[in-house]
Amino acid sequence: MGLTVATITLAWNNRTDAGTVSGGSWLTSLPLTNLQNRQVQRVARSSNATNASTQFTIDLGQARAIGVVALVVHNISVLGRVRITASDTAGFVTTYYNSGWIDVWPAGMIPQSLLEWEEDNFWLGTLSSSARAGFQSPYIHLLTSQQVLRYWKIEVSDTTNTSAYVQIGRLFIGATWQPSVNYTFGAGLGYQDPTLVDVSLSGAEFFDLRSRYRLFDFQFDYLTDSDAYGYVLDLQRLNGVSGEVLVVPDYEDEPNIPRRAFVGRMNQLQTIRQPQPSAYSCNIQIKELL
């Protein structure tokens, strides 16, 4: 059987900033409105870890096509779960979308060969609590089909969080796009380290530590006319090198989504080329936003 890879998913035009967030119980000094600030270190923090406090709704102002909801730079523990619902009324009288309760950190992230029998996460291969501290990956929920609805509710259940609160740096909610033909094999994903290295006359090295970020470089070689001009060119026009772009290289590779998927920006803009009469190509490089 040949290797199968799900088509890449991209999202831009984050609807969060134009919406109105409310609900739950959040600190006055770290309010819910911080979810609408791209500086992800300015987090929204709940006043405690009860389910009643760690929830919120967003009113998009009008019905919008939504295909993804992401919680960026969060502290949700390895036991935390999230539920996302949507309605056409502020009171959620009728719910038209309900994700059900979903584990934030998927099973299978850690191979069993790397785990000891005595460890609590041996059977599921989930992150340990100590390993969780090293991950800044967003929680990304892709809807099975895009929903055109105005009111969205995000509930977090993480009552045993050792911090006794839940905090989130940014909300990303918007429409998604998948090309007709996936990106070409040969894509690259890795961490970049902007740490500055200073070498003394003796050869000793000193480091000005900086935060590492992911860089994903991929190539489309068989874009259709509508994909090239209706989506990729529009992505360049609307976002430039500063706009937020959410990328999920393979949504079926669930155990590795926290490693591979992130919210970033286009590091540079490349021209769309036409190597064949009915196919277009373009290289895209996305740098993670910290």
C-alpha atoms as a PDB file:
ATOM      1  CA  MET A   1       0.000   0.000   0.000  1.00  0.00           C
ATOM      2  CA  GLY A   2       1.412   3.417  -0.943  1.00  0.00           C
ATOM      3  CA  LEU A   3       1.914   6.319   1.407  1.00  0.00           C
ATOM      4  CA  THR A   4      -1.116   8.593   1.633  1.00  0.00           C
ATOM      5  CA  VAL A   5      -0.968  12.179   2.847  1.00  0.00           C
ATOM      6  CA  ALA A   6      -3.990  14.375   3.516  1.00  0.00           C
ATOM      7  CA  THR A   7      -4.155  17.609   1.550  1.00  0.00           C
ATOM      8  CA  ILE A   8      -2.649  20.618   3.287  1.00  0.00           C
ATOM      9  CA  THR A   9      -5.045  23.027   5.008  1.00  0.00           C
ATOM     10  CA  LEU A  10      -4.402  26.778   5.109  1.00  0.00           C
ATOM     11  CA  ALA A  11      -6.412  29.530   6.770  1.00  0.00           C
ATOM     12  CA  TRP A  12      -6.091  33.300   6.858  1.00  0.00           C
ATOM     13  CA  ASN A  13      -8.391  36.276   7.441  1.00  0.00           C
ATOM     14  CA  ASN A  14      -8.716  35.634  11.173  1.00  0.00           C
ATOM     15  CA  ARG A  15     -12.221  36.788  12.221  1.00  0.00           C
ATOM     16  CA  THR A  16     -11.341  37.150  15.904  1.00  0.00           C
ATOM     17  CA  ASP A  17     -10.445  40.835  15.967  1.00  0.00           C
ATOM     18  CA  ALA A  18     -13.747  41.981  14.468  1.00  0.00           C
ATOM     19  CA  GLY A  19     -15.782  39.894  16.917  1.00  0.00           C
ATOM     20  CA  THR A  20     -16.979  40.424  20.483  1.00  0.00           C
ATOM     21  CA  VAL A  21     -15.730  38.007  23.154  1.00  0.00           C
ATOM     22  CA  SER A  22     -17.529  37.411  26.437  1.00  0.00           C
ATOM     23  CA  GLY A  23     -18.394  34.829  29.074  1.00  0.00           C
ATOM     24  CA  GLY A  24     -16.570  32.779  31.676  1.00  0.00           C
ATOM     25  CA  SER A  25     -14.504  34.417  34.419  1.00  0.00           C
ATOM     26  CA  TRP A  26     -11.248  36.070  33.381  1.00  0.00           C
ATOM     27  CA  LEU A  27      -8.843  38.294  35.307  1.00  0.00           C
ATOM     28  CA  THR A  28      -9.308  42.038  34.928  1.00  0.00           C
ATOM     29  CA  SER A  29      -5.557  42.413  34.435  1.00  0.00           C
ATOM     30  CA  LEU A  30      -5.489  39.637  31.802  1.00  0.00           C
ATOM     31  CA  PRO A  31      -8.904  39.983  30.155  1.00  0.00           C
ATOM     32  CA  LEU A  32     -10.602  37.943  27.488  1.00  0.00           C
ATOM     33  CA  THR A  33     -10.018  40.747  24.985  1.00  0.00           C
ATOM     34  CA  ASN A  34      -6.321  39.789  24.978  1.00  0.00           C
ATOM     35  CA  LEU A  35      -7.394  36.986  22.635  1.00  0.00           C
ATOM     36  CA  GLN A  36      -7.828  39.749  20.056  1.00  0.00           C
ATOM     37  CA  ASN A  37      -4.222  40.910  20.350  1.00  0.00           C
ATOM     38  CA  ARG A  38      -1.593  39.341  18.097  1.00  0.00           C
ATOM     39  CA  GLN A  39       1.027  39.692  20.840  1.00  0.00           C
ATOM     40  CA  VAL A  40       0.442  36.156  22.113  1.00  0.00           C
ATOM     41  CA  GLN A  41       2.365  36.717  25.340  1.00  0.00           C
ATOM     42  CA  ARG A  42      -0.433  39.093  26.442  1.00  0.00           C
ATOM     43  CA  VAL A  43      -2.621  36.195  27.483  1.00  0.00           C
ATOM     44  CA  ALA A  44      -6.193  35.936  28.692  1.00  0.00           C
ATOM     45  CA  ARG A  45      -6.197  34.105  32.052  1.00  0.00           C
ATOM     46  CA  SER A  46      -9.185  32.602  33.835  1.00  0.00           C
ATOM     47  CA  SER A  47      -9.753  33.432  37.488  1.00  0.00           C
ATOM     48  CA  ASN A  48      -9.782  29.719  38.352  1.00  0.00           C
ATOM     49  CA  ALA A  49      -9.859  26.321  36.630  1.00  0.00           C
ATOM     50  CA  THR A  50     -13.572  25.507  36.946  1.00  0.00           C
ATOM     51  CA  ASN A  51     -15.472  24.756  33.757  1.00  0.00           C
ATOM     52  CA  ALA A  52     -17.776  27.710  34.352  1.00  0.00           C
ATOM     53  CA  SER A  53     -14.776  30.065  34.309  1.00  0.00           C
ATOM     54  CA  THR A  54     -12.731  28.565  31.458  1.00  0.00           C
ATOM     55  CA  GLN A  55     -15.229  29.165  28.674  1.00  0.00           C
ATOM     56  CA  PHE A  56     -16.137  32.046  26.384  1.00  0.00           C
ATOM     57  CA  THR A  57     -18.201  32.942  23.333  1.00  0.00           C
ATOM     58  CA  ILE A  58     -17.410  35.060  20.311  1.00  0.00           C
ATOM     59  CA  ASP A  59     -19.999  36.971  18.315  1.00  0.00           C
ATOM     60  CA  LEU A  60     -18.618  37.446  14.809  1.00  0.00           C
ATOM     61  CA  GLY A  61     -21.101  40.242  14.077  1.00  0.00           C
ATOM     62  CA  GLN A  62     -22.664  38.280  11.228  1.00  0.00           C
ATOM     63  CA  ALA A  63     -22.685  34.717   9.973  1.00  0.00           C
ATOM     64  CA  ARG A  64     -19.230  33.784   8.662  1.00  0.00           C
ATOM     65  CA  ALA A  65     -17.854  30.671   6.984  1.00  0.00           C
ATOM     66  CA  ILE A  66     -15.703  28.981   9.633  1.00  0.00           C
ATOM     67  CA  GLY A  67     -13.547  25.910   9.085  1.00  0.00           C
ATOM     68  CA  VAL A  68     -11.032  26.089  11.934  1.00  0.00           C
ATOM     69  CA  VAL A  69     -10.814  27.228  15.552  1.00  0.00           C
ATOM     70  CA  ALA A  70      -7.383  27.446  17.180  1.00  0.00           C
ATOM     71  CA  LEU A  71      -6.184  28.367  20.668  1.00  0.00           C
ATOM     72  CA  VAL A  72      -2.657  29.733  20.368  1.00  0.00           C
ATOM     73  CA  VAL A  73      -0.025  29.630  23.147  1.00  0.00           C
ATOM     74  CA  HIS A  74      -2.167  28.016  25.844  1.00  0.00           C
ATOM     75  CA  ASN A  75      -1.319  26.247  29.089  1.00  0.00           C
ATOM     76  CA  ILE A  76      -3.973  23.509  28.825  1.00  0.00           C
ATOM     77  CA  SER A  77      -2.625  20.404  30.533  1.00  0.00           C
ATOM     78  CA  VAL A  78      -2.211  16.900  29.106  1.00  0.00           C
ATOM     79  CA  LEU A  79      -5.588  15.977  30.639  1.00  0.00           C
ATOM     80  CA  GLY A  80      -7.409  19.014  29.244  1.00  0.00           C
ATOM     81  CA  ARG A  81     -10.291  18.813  26.794  1.00  0.00           C
ATOM     82  CA  VAL A  82     -12.092  21.329  24.593  1.00  0.00           C
ATOM     83  CA  ARG A  83     -15.622  21.519  23.174  1.00  0.00           C
ATOM     84  CA  ILE A  84     -16.655  23.903  20.393  1.00  0.00           C
ATOM     85  CA  THR A  85     -20.276  24.682  19.577  1.00  0.00           C
ATOM     86  CA  ALA A  86     -21.930  27.171  17.239  1.00  0.00           C
ATOM     87  CA  SER A  87     -25.384  28.681  16.782  1.00  0.00           C
ATOM     88  CA  ASP A  88     -27.332  31.339  14.934  1.00  0.00           C
ATOM     89  CA  THR A  89     -28.560  32.890  18.205  1.00  0.00           C
ATOM     90  CA  ALA A  90     -26.650  34.476  21.092  1.00  0.00           C
ATOM     91  CA  GLY A  91     -28.438  32.215  23.568  1.00  0.00           C
ATOM     92  CA  PHE A  92     -27.441  29.061  21.668  1.00  0.00           C
ATOM     93  CA  VAL A  93     -31.092  28.013  21.581  1.00  0.00           C
ATOM     94  CA  THR A  94     -30.297  25.696  18.697  1.00  0.00           C
ATOM     95  CA  THR A  95     -26.793  24.309  18.258  1.00  0.00           C
ATOM     96  CA  TYR A  96     -25.851  23.679  14.645  1.00  0.00           C
ATOM     97  CA  TYR A  97     -22.318  22.528  15.338  1.00  0.00           C
ATOM     98  CA  ASN A  98     -21.003  20.527  18.284  1.00  0.00           C
ATOM     99  CA  SER A  99     -17.509  19.059  18.276  1.00  0.00           C
ATOM    100  CA  GLY A 100     -18.075  17.055  21.447  1.00  0.00           C
ATOM    101  CA  TRP A 101     -15.331  16.929  24.073  1.00  0.00           C
ATOM    102  CA  ILE A 102     -11.924  16.463  22.438  1.00  0.00           C
ATOM    103  CA  ASP A 103      -8.536  15.795  24.037  1.00  0.00           C
ATOM    104  CA  VAL A 104      -6.260  18.780  23.476  1.00  0.00           C
ATOM    105  CA  TRP A 105      -3.120  16.620  23.348  1.00  0.00           C
ATOM    106  CA  PRO A 106      -3.609  13.564  21.107  1.00  0.00           C
ATOM    107  CA  ALA A 107      -2.621  10.007  21.919  1.00  0.00           C
ATOM    108  CA  GLY A 108       0.367   8.577  20.055  1.00  0.00           C
ATOM    109  CA  MET A 109       2.536  11.709  20.260  1.00  0.00           C
ATOM    110  CA  ILE A 110       5.300   9.801  22.028  1.00  0.00           C
ATOM    111  CA  PRO A 111       6.352   6.362  20.634  1.00  0.00           C
ATOM    112  CA  GLN A 112       6.051   3.578  23.209  1.00  0.00           C
ATOM    113  CA  SER A 113       9.709   2.680  22.647  1.00  0.00           C
ATOM    114  CA  LEU A 114      10.629   5.989  24.305  1.00  0.00           C
ATOM    115  CA  LEU A 115       8.432   5.407  27.355  1.00  0.00           C
ATOM    116  CA  GLU A 116       9.048   3.409  30.502  1.00  0.00           C
ATOM    117  CA  TRP A 117       6.507   0.826  31.690  1.00  0.00           C
ATOM    118  CA  GLU A 118       6.026   2.691  34.966  1.00  0.00           C
ATOM    119  CA  GLU A 119       5.073   5.973  33.305  1.00  0.00           C
ATOM    120  CA  ASP A 120       1.402   7.008  33.475  1.00  0.00           C
ATOM    121  CA  ASN A 121       1.288   7.766  29.738  1.00  0.00           C
ATOM    122  CA  PHE A 122       2.793   4.414  28.610  1.00  0.00           C
ATOM    123  CA  TRP A 123      -0.344   2.965  27.013  1.00  0.00           C
ATOM    124  CA  LEU A 124      -1.607   6.084  25.252  1.00  0.00           C
ATOM    125  CA  GLY A 125       1.701   7.683  24.333  1.00  0.00           C
ATOM    126  CA  THR A 126       0.460  11.119  25.387  1.00  0.00           C
ATOM    127  CA  LEU A 127       2.782  13.860  26.592  1.00  0.00           C
ATOM    128  CA  SER A 128       3.961  13.735  30.172  1.00  0.00           C
ATOM    129  CA  SER A 129       3.283  16.803  32.281  1.00  0.00           C
ATOM    130  CA  SER A 130       6.973  17.736  32.248  1.00  0.00           C
ATOM    131  CA  ALA A 131       7.233  17.344  28.456  1.00  0.00           C
ATOM    132  CA  ARG A 132       4.114  19.473  28.009  1.00  0.00           C
ATOM    133  CA  ALA A 133       6.007  22.495  29.322  1.00  0.00           C
ATOM    134  CA  GLY A 134       8.251  22.377  26.252  1.00  0.00           C
ATOM    135  CA  PHE A 135       5.425  22.668  23.729  1.00  0.00           C
ATOM    136  CA  GLN A 136       3.994  26.020  22.593  1.00  0.00           C
ATOM    137  CA  SER A 137       1.873  24.445  19.856  1.00  0.00           C
ATOM    138  CA  PRO A 138      -1.680  25.731  19.402  1.00  0.00           C
ATOM    139  CA  TYR A 139      -4.718  23.558  19.843  1.00  0.00           C
ATOM    140  CA  ILE A 140      -6.225  23.359  16.358  1.00  0.00           C
ATOM    141  CA  HIS A 141      -9.716  22.071  15.649  1.00  0.00           C
ATOM    142  CA  LEU A 142     -10.592  21.540  11.988  1.00  0.00           C
ATOM    143  CA  LEU A 143     -14.304  21.249  11.308  1.00  0.00           C
ATOM    144  CA  THR A 144     -15.371  18.379   9.075  1.00  0.00           C
ATOM    145  CA  SER A 145     -17.139  20.948   6.869  1.00  0.00           C
ATOM    146  CA  GLN A 146     -17.254  24.732   6.983  1.00  0.00           C
ATOM    147  CA  GLN A 147     -20.144  26.182   8.970  1.00  0.00           C
ATOM    148  CA  VAL A 148     -21.693  29.575   8.214  1.00  0.00           C
ATOM    149  CA  LEU A 149     -22.700  30.750  11.697  1.00  0.00           C
ATOM    150  CA  ARG A 150     -22.376  33.881  13.830  1.00  0.00           C
ATOM    151  CA  TYR A 151     -22.038  32.709  17.447  1.00  0.00           C
ATOM    152  CA  TRP A 152     -19.289  30.350  18.623  1.00  0.00           C
ATOM    153  CA  LYS A 153     -18.626  28.958  22.094  1.00  0.00           C
ATOM    154  CA  ILE A 154     -15.298  27.502  23.242  1.00  0.00           C
ATOM    155  CA  GLU A 155     -15.346  25.488  26.473  1.00  0.00           C
ATOM    156  CA  VAL A 156     -12.192  24.216  28.169  1.00  0.00           C
ATOM    157  CA  SER A 157     -12.339  21.441  30.758  1.00  0.00           C
ATOM    158  CA  ASP A 158      -9.058  21.357  32.678  1.00  0.00           C
ATOM    159  CA  THR A 159     -10.049  21.398  36.345  1.00  0.00           C
ATOM    160  CA  THR A 160      -6.882  19.592  37.504  1.00  0.00           C
ATOM    161  CA  ASN A 161      -4.502  22.046  35.849  1.00  0.00           C
ATOM    162  CA  THR A 162      -1.671  22.520  38.351  1.00  0.00           C
ATOM    163  CA  SER A 163      -1.602  26.263  37.609  1.00  0.00           C
ATOM    164  CA  ALA A 164      -5.211  26.487  38.874  1.00  0.00           C
ATOM    165  CA  TYR A 165      -6.156  28.526  35.807  1.00  0.00           C
ATOM    166  CA  VAL A 166      -6.287  28.338  32.007  1.00  0.00           C
ATOM    167  CA  GLN A 167      -4.594  30.921  29.852  1.00  0.00           C
ATOM    168  CA  ILE A 168      -4.682  31.469  26.077  1.00  0.00           C
ATOM    169  CA  GLY A 169      -2.601  33.893  24.051  1.00  0.00           C
ATOM    170  CA  ARG A 170      -4.639  34.205  20.869  1.00  0.00           C
ATOM    171  CA  LEU A 171      -7.826  32.943  19.230  1.00  0.00           C
ATOM    172  CA  PHE A 172      -7.789  32.104  15.530  1.00  0.00           C
ATOM    173  CA  ILE A 173     -11.151  31.453  13.874  1.00  0.00           C
ATOM    174  CA  GLY A 174     -11.740  31.549  10.149  1.00  0.00           C
ATOM    175  CA  ALA A 175     -12.415  29.843   6.845  1.00  0.00           C
ATOM    176  CA  THR A 176     -10.080  27.151   5.507  1.00  0.00           C
ATOM    177  CA  TRP A 177      -8.749  26.290   2.054  1.00  0.00           C
ATOM    178  CA  GLN A 178      -7.415  23.057   0.617  1.00  0.00           C
ATOM    179  CA  PRO A 179      -5.889  23.038  -2.893  1.00  0.00           C
ATOM    180  CA  SER A 180      -7.164  20.643  -5.546  1.00  0.00           C
ATOM    181  CA  VAL A 181      -3.717  18.997  -5.649  1.00  0.00           C
ATOM    182  CA  ASN A 182      -1.484  18.744  -2.594  1.00  0.00           C
ATOM    183  CA  TYR A 183       1.950  20.306  -2.245  1.00  0.00           C
ATOM    184  CA  THR A 184       4.844  18.447  -3.882  1.00  0.00           C
ATOM    185  CA  PHE A 185       7.041  16.009  -1.933  1.00  0.00           C
ATOM    186  CA  GLY A 186      10.240  17.645  -0.807  1.00  0.00           C
ATOM    187  CA  ALA A 187       8.720  20.115   1.664  1.00  0.00           C
ATOM    188  CA  GLY A 188      10.814  21.047   4.677  1.00  0.00           C
ATOM    189  CA  LEU A 189       9.910  21.654   8.323  1.00  0.00           C
ATOM    190  CA  GLY A 190      12.362  22.596  11.040  1.00  0.00           C
ATOM    191  CA  TYR A 191      13.230  24.941  13.869  1.00  0.00           C
ATOM    192  CA  GLN A 192      15.211  28.115  13.319  1.00  0.00           C
ATOM    193  CA  ASP A 193      17.298  29.508  16.178  1.00  0.00           C
ATOM    194  CA  PRO A 194      17.998  33.271  16.029  1.00  0.00           C
ATOM    195  CA  THR A 195      20.231  33.087  19.124  1.00  0.00           C
ATOM    196  CA  LEU A 196      23.234  35.400  18.756  1.00  0.00           C
ATOM    197  CA  VAL A 197      26.665  33.841  19.299  1.00  0.00           C
ATOM    198  CA  ASP A 198      29.600  36.003  20.410  1.00  0.00           C
ATOM    199  CA  VAL A 199      33.105  34.516  20.443  1.00  0.00           C
ATOM    200  CA  SER A 200      35.748  35.960  22.756  1.00  0.00           C
ATOM    201  CA  LEU A 201      39.449  36.242  21.851  1.00  0.00           C
ATOM    202  CA  SER A 202      40.084  33.046  23.819  1.00  0.00           C
ATOM    203  CA  GLY A 203      37.505  31.148  21.780  1.00  0.00           C
ATOM    204  CA  ALA A 204      34.895  30.973  24.522  1.00  0.00           C
ATOM    205  CA  GLU A 205      31.365  31.392  23.225  1.00  0.00           C
ATOM    206  CA  PHE A 206      28.599  33.495  24.760  1.00  0.00           C
ATOM    207  CA  PHE A 207      24.974  33.239  23.769  1.00  0.00           C
ATOM    208  CA  ASP A 208      22.216  35.836  23.638  1.00  0.00           C
ATOM    209  CA  LEU A 209      19.344  33.378  23.788  1.00  0.00           C
ATOM    210  CA  ARG A 210      16.326  33.944  21.548  1.00  0.00           C
ATOM    211  CA  SER A 211      13.116  31.924  21.123  1.00  0.00           C
ATOM    212  CA  ARG A 212      13.225  29.215  18.472  1.00  0.00           C
ATOM    213  CA  TYR A 213      10.505  29.162  15.825  1.00  0.00           C
ATOM    214  CA  ARG A 214       9.327  26.720  13.186  1.00  0.00           C
ATOM    215  CA  LEU A 215       9.705  27.280   9.462  1.00  0.00           C
ATOM    216  CA  PHE A 216       7.685  25.310   6.897  1.00  0.00           C
ATOM    217  CA  ASP A 217       8.741  25.516   3.251  1.00  0.00           C
ATOM    218  CA  PHE A 218       6.610  23.855   0.573  1.00  0.00           C
ATOM    219  CA  GLN A 219       5.962  23.992  -3.151  1.00  0.00           C
ATOM    220  CA  PHE A 220       2.750  23.796  -5.167  1.00  0.00           C
ATOM    221  CA  ASP A 221       3.461  22.450  -8.677  1.00  0.00           C
ATOM    222  CA  TYR A 222      -0.046  21.693  -9.925  1.00  0.00           C
ATOM    223  CA  LEU A 223      -2.326  24.530  -8.876  1.00  0.00           C
ATOM    224  CA  THR A 224      -5.479  25.003 -10.911  1.00  0.00           C
ATOM    225  CA  ASP A 225      -6.376  28.396 -12.348  1.00  0.00           C
ATOM    226  CA  SER A 226      -8.902  29.041  -9.556  1.00  0.00           C
ATOM    227  CA  ASP A 227      -6.476  27.871  -6.824  1.00  0.00           C
ATOM    228  CA  ALA A 228      -3.643  30.027  -8.147  1.00  0.00           C
ATOM    229  CA  TYR A 229      -5.559  33.250  -8.696  1.00  0.00           C
ATOM    230  CA  GLY A 230      -8.596  32.801  -6.465  1.00  0.00           C
ATOM    231  CA  TYR A 231      -6.646  31.744  -3.370  1.00  0.00           C
ATOM    232  CA  VAL A 232      -2.836  31.935  -3.489  1.00  0.00           C
ATOM    233  CA  LEU A 233      -2.658  35.325  -5.197  1.00  0.00           C
ATOM    234  CA  ASP A 234      -5.387  36.610  -2.883  1.00  0.00           C
ATOM    235  CA  LEU A 235      -3.461  35.281   0.116  1.00  0.00           C
ATOM    236  CA  GLN A 236      -0.465  37.332  -0.991  1.00  0.00           C
ATOM    237  CA  ARG A 237      -2.580  40.429  -1.607  1.00  0.00           C
ATOM    238  CA  LEU A 238      -4.452  40.295   1.692  1.00  0.00           C
ATOM    239  CA  ASN A 239      -1.682  39.080   4.002  1.00  0.00           C
ATOM    240  CA  GLY A 240       1.644  40.201   2.588  1.00  0.00           C
ATOM    241  CA  VAL A 241       4.435  39.164   4.949  1.00  0.00           C
ATOM    242  CA  SER A 242       2.664  40.364   8.109  1.00  0.00           C
ATOM    243  CA  GLY A 243      -0.762  38.685   8.101  1.00  0.00           C
ATOM    244  CA  GLU A 244      -1.529  35.561  10.125  1.00  0.00           C
ATOM    245  CA  VAL A 245      -1.602  32.226   8.298  1.00  0.00           C
ATOM    246  CA  LEU A 246      -2.593  28.962   9.961  1.00  0.00           C
ATOM    247  CA  VAL A 247      -1.064  25.858   8.373  1.00  0.00           C
ATOM    248  CA  VAL A 248      -1.912  22.192   8.953  1.00  0.00           C
ATOM    249  CA  PRO A 249       0.309  20.123   6.609  1.00  0.00           C
ATOM    250  CA  ASP A 250      -1.574  16.842   7.153  1.00  0.00           C
ATOM    251  CA  TYR A 251      -4.759  16.824   9.254  1.00  0.00           C
ATOM    252  CA  GLU A 252      -4.859  12.999   9.230  1.00  0.00           C
ATOM    253  CA  ASP A 253      -1.488  12.790  10.988  1.00  0.00           C
ATOM    254  CA  GLU A 254      -3.217  13.529  14.301  1.00  0.00           C
ATOM    255  CA  PRO A 255      -0.394  12.532  16.703  1.00  0.00           C
ATOM    256  CA  ASN A 256       1.976  14.989  15.003  1.00  0.00           C
ATOM    257  CA  ILE A 257      -0.386  17.930  14.480  1.00  0.00           C
ATOM    258  CA  PRO A 258       1.038  19.711  17.585  1.00  0.00           C
ATOM    259  CA  ARG A 259       4.511  19.351  16.050  1.00  0.00           C
ATOM    260  CA  ARG A 260       3.657  20.211  12.439  1.00  0.00           C
ATOM    261  CA  ALA A 261       0.792  22.721  12.574  1.00  0.00           C
ATOM    262  CA  PHE A 262       1.080  26.333  13.708  1.00  0.00           C
ATOM    263  CA  VAL A 263       0.049  29.941  13.147  1.00  0.00           C
ATOM    264  CA  GLY A 264       2.644  31.999  11.317  1.00  0.00           C
ATOM    265  CA  ARG A 265       3.183  34.474   8.540  1.00  0.00           C
ATOM    266  CA  MET A 266       4.605  34.228   5.029  1.00  0.00           C
ATOM    267  CA  ASN A 267       8.330  34.805   5.291  1.00  0.00           C
ATOM    268  CA  GLN A 268       8.528  36.100   1.716  1.00  0.00           C
ATOM    269  CA  LEU A 269       6.287  36.370  -1.342  1.00  0.00           C
ATOM    270  CA  GLN A 270       7.054  34.299  -4.429  1.00  0.00           C
ATOM    271  CA  THR A 271       5.637  34.813  -7.904  1.00  0.00           C
ATOM    272  CA  ILE A 272       3.058  32.382  -9.256  1.00  0.00           C
ATOM    273  CA  ARG A 273       4.497  30.663 -12.330  1.00  0.00           C
ATOM    274  CA  GLN A 274       2.831  28.792 -15.176  1.00  0.00           C
ATOM    275  CA  PRO A 275       5.111  25.880 -16.154  1.00  0.00           C
ATOM    276  CA  GLN A 276       2.292  24.124 -18.030  1.00  0.00           C
ATOM    277  CA  PRO A 277      -0.742  25.427 -19.945  1.00  0.00           C
ATOM    278  CA  SER A 278      -3.162  24.255 -17.268  1.00  0.00           C
ATOM    279  CA  ALA A 279      -1.001  24.173 -14.120  1.00  0.00           C
ATOM    280  CA  TYR A 280       0.566  26.835 -11.917  1.00  0.00           C
ATOM    281  CA  SER A 281       3.340  26.633  -9.355  1.00  0.00           C
ATOM    282  CA  CYS A 282       4.346  28.673  -6.314  1.00  0.00           C
ATOM    283  CA  ASN A 283       6.652  28.271  -3.340  1.00  0.00           C
ATOM    284  CA  ILE A 284       5.379  29.279   0.104  1.00  0.00           C
ATOM    285  CA  GLN A 285       7.439  29.653   3.262  1.00  0.00           C
ATOM    286  CA  ILE A 286       5.658  30.155   6.582  1.00  0.00           C
ATOM    287  CA  LYS A 287       7.453  31.368   9.721  1.00  0.00           C
ATOM    288  CA  GLU A 288       5.880  30.683  13.110  1.00  0.00           C
ATOM    289  CA  LEU A 289       4.615  33.671  15.087  1.00  0.00           C
ATOM    290  CA  LEU A 290       5.724  33.704  18.723  1.00  0.00           C
END
